[in-house]
PDB file of N, CA and C in Angstrom:
ATOM      1  N   MET A   1      44.913  -4.679  66.675  1.00  0.00           N
ATOM      2  CA  MET A   1      43.423  -4.857  66.026  1.00  0.00           C
ATOM      3  C   MET A   1      42.499  -5.683  66.869  1.00  0.00           C
ATOM      4  N   LEU A   2      41.328  -5.235  66.909  1.00  0.00           N
ATOM      5  CA  LEU A   2      40.125  -5.591  67.554  1.00  0.00           C
ATOM      6  C   LEU A   2      39.019  -6.274  66.619  1.00  0.00           C
ATOM      7  N   VAL A   3      38.349  -7.283  66.895  1.00  0.00           N
ATOM      8  CA  VAL A   3      37.252  -7.622  65.856  1.00  0.00           C
ATOM      9  C   VAL A   3      36.007  -7.266  67.337  1.00  0.00           C
ATOM     10  N   SER A   4      34.869  -6.777  67.070  1.00  0.00           N
ATOM     11  CA  SER A   4      33.840  -6.502  67.982  1.00  0.00           C
ATOM     12  C   SER A   4      32.613  -6.900  67.144  1.00  0.00           C
ATOM     13  N   ALA A   5      31.452  -7.367  68.092  1.00  0.00           N
ATOM     14  CA  ALA A   5      30.190  -7.611  67.513  1.00  0.00           C
ATOM     15  C   ALA A   5      29.373  -6.498  67.936  1.00  0.00           C
ATOM     16  N   TYR A   6      28.429  -6.525  67.484  1.00  0.00           N
ATOM     17  CA  TYR A   6      26.935  -5.413  67.681  1.00  0.00           C
ATOM     18  C   TYR A   6      25.653  -5.736  67.358  1.00  0.00           C
ATOM     19  N   LEU A   7      24.897  -5.945  68.990  1.00  0.00           N
ATOM     20  CA  LEU A   7      23.920  -6.488  68.822  1.00  0.00           C
ATOM     21  C   LEU A   7      22.575  -5.198  68.175  1.00  0.00           C
ATOM     22  N   VAL A   8      22.237  -5.497  67.236  1.00  0.00           N
ATOM     23  CA  VAL A   8      21.451  -4.474  67.036  1.00  0.00           C
ATOM     24  C   VAL A   8      20.516  -4.057  67.838  1.00  0.00           C
ATOM     25  N   GLU A   9      19.896  -5.461  67.823  1.00  0.00           N
ATOM     26  CA  GLU A   9      18.205  -4.910  68.679  1.00  0.00           C
ATOM     27  C   GLU A   9      18.310  -4.483  70.117  1.00  0.00           C
ATOM     28  N   ARG A  10      19.465  -4.681  70.830  1.00  0.00           N
ATOM     29  CA  ARG A  10      19.966  -3.880  72.150  1.00  0.00           C
ATOM     30  C   ARG A  10      20.684  -2.732  72.009  1.00  0.00           C
ATOM     31  N   GLY A  11      21.392  -2.355  70.830  1.00  0.00           N
ATOM     32  CA  GLY A  11      21.968  -1.659  70.540  1.00  0.00           C
ATOM     33  C   GLY A  11      23.278  -1.628  71.668  1.00  0.00           C
ATOM     34  N   VAL A  12      23.725  -2.809  71.594  1.00  0.00           N
ATOM     35  CA  VAL A  12      25.217  -3.122  72.742  1.00  0.00           C
ATOM     36  C   VAL A  12      26.005  -3.591  71.884  1.00  0.00           C
ATOM     37  N   ILE A  13      27.266  -3.012  72.077  1.00  0.00           N
ATOM     38  CA  ILE A  13      28.700  -3.418  71.719  1.00  0.00           C
ATOM     39  C   ILE A  13      29.222  -4.216  72.528  1.00  0.00           C
ATOM     40  N   LEU A  14      29.618  -5.749  71.754  1.00  0.00           N
ATOM     41  CA  LEU A  14      30.275  -6.709  72.759  1.00  0.00           C
ATOM     42  C   LEU A  14      31.565  -6.595  73.255  1.00  0.00           C
ATOM     43  N   ASP A  15      32.411  -6.871  74.282  1.00  0.00           N
ATOM     44  CA  ASP A  15      33.721  -7.015  74.363  1.00  0.00           C
ATOM     45  C   ASP A  15      34.499  -7.448  72.966  1.00  0.00           C
ATOM     46  N   PRO A  16      35.319  -6.624  72.925  1.00  0.00           N
ATOM     47  CA  PRO A  16      36.085  -6.578  71.640  1.00  0.00           C
ATOM     48  C   PRO A  16      37.089  -7.751  72.019  1.00  0.00           C
ATOM     49  N   TYR A  17      37.736  -8.457  70.692  1.00  0.00           N
ATOM     50  CA  TYR A  17      38.213  -9.756  70.530  1.00  0.00           C
ATOM     51  C   TYR A  17      39.321  -9.468  69.809  1.00  0.00           C
ATOM     52  N   PRO A  18      40.432  -9.687  70.602  1.00  0.00           N
ATOM     53  CA  PRO A  18      42.028  -9.292  70.196  1.00  0.00           C
ATOM     54  C   PRO A  18      42.643 -10.089  68.949  1.00  0.00           C
ATOM     55  N   VAL A  19      43.326  -9.718  67.910  1.00  0.00           N
ATOM     56  CA  VAL A  19      43.645 -10.123  67.068  1.00  0.00           C
ATOM     57  C   VAL A  19      45.196 -10.136  67.023  1.00  0.00           C
ATOM     58  N   ASP A  20      45.790 -11.232  67.032  1.00  0.00           N
ATOM     59  CA  ASP A  20      47.378 -11.159  67.256  1.00  0.00           C
ATOM     60  C   ASP A  20      47.933 -10.627  65.750  1.00  0.00           C
ATOM     61  N   ARG A  21      48.900  -9.794  66.048  1.00  0.00           N
ATOM     62  CA  ARG A  21      49.690  -9.305  64.973  1.00  0.00           C
ATOM     63  C   ARG A  21      50.241 -10.069  63.964  1.00  0.00           C
ATOM     64  N   LYS A  22      50.233 -11.301  64.216  1.00  0.00           N
ATOM     65  CA  LYS A  22      51.002 -11.801  63.148  1.00  0.00           C
ATOM     66  C   LYS A  22      49.764 -12.702  62.348  1.00  0.00           C
ATOM     67  N   THR A  23      48.538 -12.395  62.479  1.00  0.00           N
ATOM     68  CA  THR A  23      47.566 -12.618  62.049  1.00  0.00           C
ATOM     69  C   THR A  23      46.662 -11.487  61.174  1.00  0.00           C
ATOM     70  N   ASN A  24      45.418 -11.745  61.011  1.00  0.00           N
ATOM     71  CA  ASN A  24      44.538 -10.803  60.381  1.00  0.00           C
ATOM     72  C   ASN A  24      42.913 -11.309  61.066  1.00  0.00           C
ATOM     73  N   GLU A  25      42.226 -10.058  60.848  1.00  0.00           N
ATOM     74  CA  GLU A  25      40.507 -10.292  61.369  1.00  0.00           C
ATOM     75  C   GLU A  25      39.716 -11.552  60.841  1.00  0.00           C
ATOM     76  N   ILE A  26      40.161 -11.889  59.497  1.00  0.00           N
ATOM     77  CA  ILE A  26      39.752 -12.901  58.770  1.00  0.00           C
ATOM     78  C   ILE A  26      39.811 -14.352  59.415  1.00  0.00           C
ATOM     79  N   LYS A  27      41.338 -14.437  60.073  1.00  0.00           N
ATOM     80  CA  LYS A  27      41.532 -15.787  60.610  1.00  0.00           C
ATOM     81  C   LYS A  27      41.273 -15.848  61.813  1.00  0.00           C
ATOM     82  N   ALA A  28      40.991 -14.718  62.785  1.00  0.00           N
ATOM     83  CA  ALA A  28      40.678 -14.622  63.950  1.00  0.00           C
ATOM     84  C   ALA A  28      39.279 -14.361  64.147  1.00  0.00           C
ATOM     85  N   LEU A  29      38.060 -14.387  62.792  1.00  0.00           N
ATOM     86  CA  LEU A  29      36.810 -14.768  63.138  1.00  0.00           C
ATOM     87  C   LEU A  29      36.188 -15.925  63.869  1.00  0.00           C
ATOM     88  N   PRO A  30      36.772 -17.185  63.091  1.00  0.00           N
ATOM     89  CA  PRO A  30      35.906 -18.200  63.550  1.00  0.00           C
ATOM     90  C   PRO A  30      36.173 -18.417  65.017  1.00  0.00           C
ATOM     91  N   ALA A  31      37.385 -18.108  65.571  1.00  0.00           N
ATOM     92  CA  ALA A  31      37.208 -18.231  67.479  1.00  0.00           C
ATOM     93  C   ALA A  31      36.518 -17.303  67.824  1.00  0.00           C
ATOM     94  N   PHE A  32      36.420 -15.964  67.532  1.00  0.00           N
ATOM     95  CA  PHE A  32      35.808 -14.844  67.626  1.00  0.00           C
ATOM     96  C   PHE A  32      34.074 -15.512  67.723  1.00  0.00           C
ATOM     97  N   ILE A  33      33.513 -16.327  66.880  1.00  0.00           N
ATOM     98  CA  ILE A  33      32.519 -16.640  66.450  1.00  0.00           C
ATOM     99  C   ILE A  33      31.931 -17.367  67.639  1.00  0.00           C
ATOM    100  N   GLU A  34      33.200 -18.561  67.791  1.00  0.00           N
ATOM    101  CA  GLU A  34      32.971 -19.621  68.749  1.00  0.00           C
ATOM    102  C   GLU A  34      33.054 -19.123  70.155  1.00  0.00           C
ATOM    103  N   GLN A  35      33.702 -17.939  70.495  1.00  0.00           N
ATOM    104  CA  GLN A  35      33.588 -17.703  71.753  1.00  0.00           C
ATOM    105  C   GLN A  35      32.460 -16.911  72.036  1.00  0.00           C
ATOM    106  N   LEU A  36      31.475 -16.616  70.958  1.00  0.00           N
ATOM    107  CA  LEU A  36      30.277 -15.881  71.567  1.00  0.00           C
ATOM    108  C   LEU A  36      29.160 -16.934  71.515  1.00  0.00           C
ATOM    109  N   ALA A  37      29.365 -18.230  71.332  1.00  0.00           N
ATOM    110  CA  ALA A  37      28.812 -18.984  71.740  1.00  0.00           C
ATOM    111  C   ALA A  37      26.856 -18.915  71.126  1.00  0.00           C
ATOM    112  N   LEU A  38      27.223 -18.881  69.948  1.00  0.00           N
ATOM    113  CA  LEU A  38      25.811 -18.711  69.359  1.00  0.00           C
ATOM    114  C   LEU A  38      25.346 -19.562  68.752  1.00  0.00           C
ATOM    115  N   LYS A  39      24.346 -20.304  68.737  1.00  0.00           N
ATOM    116  CA  LYS A  39      23.664 -21.188  68.134  1.00  0.00           C
ATOM    117  C   LYS A  39      22.123 -20.864  67.439  1.00  0.00           C
ATOM    118  N   GLY A  40      22.145 -20.918  66.102  1.00  0.00           N
ATOM    119  CA  GLY A  40      20.785 -20.679  65.422  1.00  0.00           C
ATOM    120  C   GLY A  40      20.342 -19.258  65.336  1.00  0.00           C
ATOM    121  N   VAL A  41      22.064 -18.297  65.039  1.00  0.00           N
ATOM    122  CA  VAL A  41      21.706 -16.854  65.017  1.00  0.00           C
ATOM    123  C   VAL A  41      22.421 -16.600  63.865  1.00  0.00           C
ATOM    124  N   VAL A  42      21.761 -15.949  63.260  1.00  0.00           N
ATOM    125  CA  VAL A  42      22.204 -15.203  62.087  1.00  0.00           C
ATOM    126  C   VAL A  42      23.258 -14.277  62.317  1.00  0.00           C
ATOM    127  N   ILE A  43      24.726 -14.293  61.468  1.00  0.00           N
ATOM    128  CA  ILE A  43      25.237 -13.536  61.923  1.00  0.00           C
ATOM    129  C   ILE A  43      26.055 -12.796  60.402  1.00  0.00           C
ATOM    130  N   ALA A  44      26.040 -11.245  60.406  1.00  0.00           N
ATOM    131  CA  ALA A  44      26.259 -10.626  59.204  1.00  0.00           C
ATOM    132  C   ALA A  44      27.758  -9.819  59.344  1.00  0.00           C
ATOM    133  N   LEU A  45      28.480 -10.073  58.335  1.00  0.00           N
ATOM    134  CA  LEU A  45      30.059  -9.467  58.311  1.00  0.00           C
ATOM    135  C   LEU A  45      29.903  -8.516  57.498  1.00  0.00           C
ATOM    136  N   ASP A  46      30.739  -7.336  57.489  1.00  0.00           N
ATOM    137  CA  ASP A  46      31.349  -6.974  56.046  1.00  0.00           C
ATOM    138  C   ASP A  46      31.975  -7.856  55.337  1.00  0.00           C
ATOM    139  N   ALA A  47      31.892  -7.337  54.012  1.00  0.00           N
ATOM    140  CA  ALA A  47      32.272  -7.820  52.837  1.00  0.00           C
ATOM    141  C   ALA A  47      33.914  -8.139  52.975  1.00  0.00           C
ATOM    142  N   ILE A  48      34.712  -7.250  53.870  1.00  0.00           N
ATOM    143  CA  ILE A  48      36.146  -7.772  54.051  1.00  0.00           C
ATOM    144  C   ILE A  48      36.142  -9.122  54.391  1.00  0.00           C
ATOM    145  N   SER A  49      35.359  -9.414  55.650  1.00  0.00           N
ATOM    146  CA  SER A  49      35.844 -10.145  56.665  1.00  0.00           C
ATOM    147  C   SER A  49      34.714 -11.757  56.342  1.00  0.00           C
ATOM    148  N   THR A  50      34.634 -11.865  54.574  1.00  0.00           N
ATOM    149  CA  THR A  50      33.612 -12.852  54.649  1.00  0.00           C
ATOM    150  C   THR A  50      34.043 -13.971  53.581  1.00  0.00           C
ATOM    151  N   PRO A  51      35.318 -14.703  53.907  1.00  0.00           N
ATOM    152  CA  PRO A  51      35.811 -15.171  52.950  1.00  0.00           C
ATOM    153  C   PRO A  51      35.023 -16.841  52.558  1.00  0.00           C
ATOM    154  N   LYS A  52      34.660 -17.365  51.417  1.00  0.00           N
ATOM    155  CA  LYS A  52      34.089 -18.558  51.447  1.00  0.00           C
ATOM    156  C   LYS A  52      33.979 -19.668  52.550  1.00  0.00           C
ATOM    157  N   LYS A  53      35.192 -19.463  52.936  1.00  0.00           N
ATOM    158  CA  LYS A  53      35.476 -21.004  54.040  1.00  0.00           C
ATOM    159  C   LYS A  53      34.773 -20.613  55.354  1.00  0.00           C
ATOM    160  N   LEU A  54      34.488 -19.456  55.728  1.00  0.00           N
ATOM    161  CA  LEU A  54      34.232 -18.874  57.114  1.00  0.00           C
ATOM    162  C   LEU A  54      32.686 -19.303  56.929  1.00  0.00           C
ATOM    163  N   SER A  55      31.778 -19.213  55.943  1.00  0.00           N
ATOM    164  CA  SER A  55      30.291 -19.590  55.655  1.00  0.00           C
ATOM    165  C   SER A  55      30.122 -21.002  56.252  1.00  0.00           C
ATOM    166  N   ALA A  56      30.882 -22.061  55.437  1.00  0.00           N
ATOM    167  CA  ALA A  56      31.233 -23.268  55.729  1.00  0.00           C
ATOM    168  C   ALA A  56      31.365 -23.767  57.345  1.00  0.00           C
ATOM    169  N   HIS A  57      32.114 -22.657  57.884  1.00  0.00           N
ATOM    170  CA  HIS A  57      32.327 -23.024  59.206  1.00  0.00           C
ATOM    171  C   HIS A  57      31.419 -23.351  60.651  1.00  0.00           C
ATOM    172  N   HIS A  58      30.183 -22.525  60.252  1.00  0.00           N
ATOM    173  CA  HIS A  58      29.633 -22.612  60.964  1.00  0.00           C
ATOM    174  C   HIS A  58      28.410 -23.005  60.641  1.00  0.00           C
TER     175      HIS A  58
END
């Protein structure tokens, strides 16, 4: 499974982030967001990927 990011303003899909088979995309998202190294940027996720703890993570 892969998690990917899409930059709307530029119409670009960033390199996908691999998700370990022993986990899921929800647990992989904090590491993926950290890898993007974005500060002061609003990130929108689909509803399946938005646990309460994730919004407090960054």
